[in-house]
Protein backbone atom coordinates (compact mmCIF):
# COMPACT_ATOMS: atom_id res chain seq x y z
CA MET A 1 -20.11 -27.75 97.38
CA LEU A 2 -19.29 -31.40 97.97
CA ASP A 3 -16.53 -30.30 100.40
CA ALA A 4 -19.14 -28.48 102.42
CA GLY A 5 -21.22 -31.69 102.62
CA LEU A 6 -23.87 -30.62 100.13
CA VAL A 7 -25.07 -32.84 97.27
CA PRO A 8 -27.01 -31.32 94.46
CA SER A 9 -30.52 -32.72 93.69
CA MET A 10 -31.78 -32.72 90.25
CA GLY A 11 -34.94 -34.11 88.66
CA SER A 12 -34.77 -36.69 85.72
CA ILE A 13 -33.58 -35.75 82.45
CA GLY A 14 -36.22 -34.88 79.70
CA ASP A 15 -39.06 -34.86 82.51
CA CYS A 16 -41.95 -32.89 81.09
CA TYR A 17 -42.96 -32.01 84.61
CA ASP A 18 -39.83 -30.45 85.66
CA ASN A 19 -39.98 -27.14 87.30
CA SER A 20 -38.11 -24.68 85.19
CA LEU A 21 -38.75 -21.72 87.48
CA VAL A 22 -37.00 -23.36 90.41
CA GLU A 23 -34.36 -24.66 88.17
CA SER A 24 -33.76 -21.08 86.92
CA PHE A 25 -33.56 -19.86 90.55
CA TRP A 26 -30.99 -22.52 91.43
CA GLY A 27 -28.97 -21.95 88.34
CA THR A 28 -28.97 -18.13 89.17
CA MET A 29 -27.83 -18.80 92.71
CA GLN A 30 -25.15 -21.22 91.47
CA LEU A 31 -23.68 -18.63 89.05
CA GLU A 32 -24.12 -15.54 91.19
CA LEU A 33 -23.23 -17.04 94.65
CA LEU A 34 -22.12 -20.60 95.01
CA ASP A 35 -19.43 -20.60 92.32
CA SER A 36 -18.12 -17.11 93.64
CA ARG A 37 -15.79 -18.54 96.07
CA ILE A 38 -14.82 -21.75 97.97
CA TRP A 39 -16.98 -22.52 100.91
CA THR A 40 -15.46 -24.33 103.77
CA THR A 41 -18.46 -25.23 106.17
CA ARG A 42 -22.23 -25.97 105.79
CA ALA A 43 -22.87 -23.09 108.21
CA GLU A 44 -20.94 -20.56 106.02
CA ILE A 45 -22.73 -21.54 102.88
CA ALA A 46 -26.22 -21.76 104.71
CA MET A 47 -25.63 -18.12 105.91
CA ALA A 48 -24.54 -16.93 102.42
CA ILE A 49 -27.55 -18.58 100.85
CA PHE A 50 -29.92 -16.95 103.35
CA GLU A 51 -28.37 -13.52 102.95
CA TRP A 52 -28.38 -13.80 99.15
CA ILE A 53 -32.04 -14.69 99.00
CA GLU A 54 -33.16 -12.16 101.75
CA TYR A 55 -30.85 -9.23 101.02
CA TRP A 56 -30.33 -9.52 97.15
CA TYR A 57 -32.71 -11.91 95.26
CA ASN A 58 -35.86 -10.87 96.90
CA PRO A 59 -35.53 -7.23 97.72
CA VAL A 60 -33.13 -5.86 94.96
CA ARG A 61 -32.61 -8.28 92.07
CA ARG A 62 -34.96 -7.47 89.07
CA HIS A 63 -36.69 -10.39 87.40
CA SER A 64 -37.61 -10.60 83.70
CA SER A 65 -40.82 -12.54 84.78
CA LEU A 66 -41.96 -9.74 86.88
CA GLY A 67 -41.59 -7.00 84.16
CA MET A 68 -37.87 -6.34 85.22
CA LEU A 69 -39.05 -5.38 88.69
CA SER A 70 -37.73 -6.85 92.03
CA PRO A 71 -40.22 -9.10 93.95
CA VAL A 72 -40.46 -6.22 96.52
CA ASP A 73 -41.09 -3.55 93.88
CA TYR A 74 -43.69 -5.84 92.15
CA GLU A 75 -45.61 -6.44 95.23
CA ALA A 76 -45.71 -2.67 96.09
CA VAL A 77 -47.04 -1.96 92.54
CA HIS A 78 -49.64 -4.73 92.69
CA THR A 79 -50.79 -4.65 96.16
CA PRO A 80 -53.47 -2.14 96.87
CA SER A 81 -52.69 0.34 99.81
CA ASN A 82 -54.71 1.24 102.67
CA HIS A 83 -55.86 4.46 100.88
CA ASP A 84 -57.46 2.46 98.07
CA HIS A 85 -60.33 1.14 100.36
């Protein structure tokens, strides 16, 4: 990541106000995407992050915090349809 000009930003250690949800997201992205190959440019990694979020993480990847549904499936289950009016 440093070769691509990206510097990780982390909160302070032991901070009781840290955001574990976001840290979990970044950890998952680090493991599933960023560490999967060597990135050569900022544009390359930016596009990969966009595609990972929009085409995998949001529509497909199941989340334990959503009852093992993807965000798209969770919204479909919990959003009233037009027929419910």
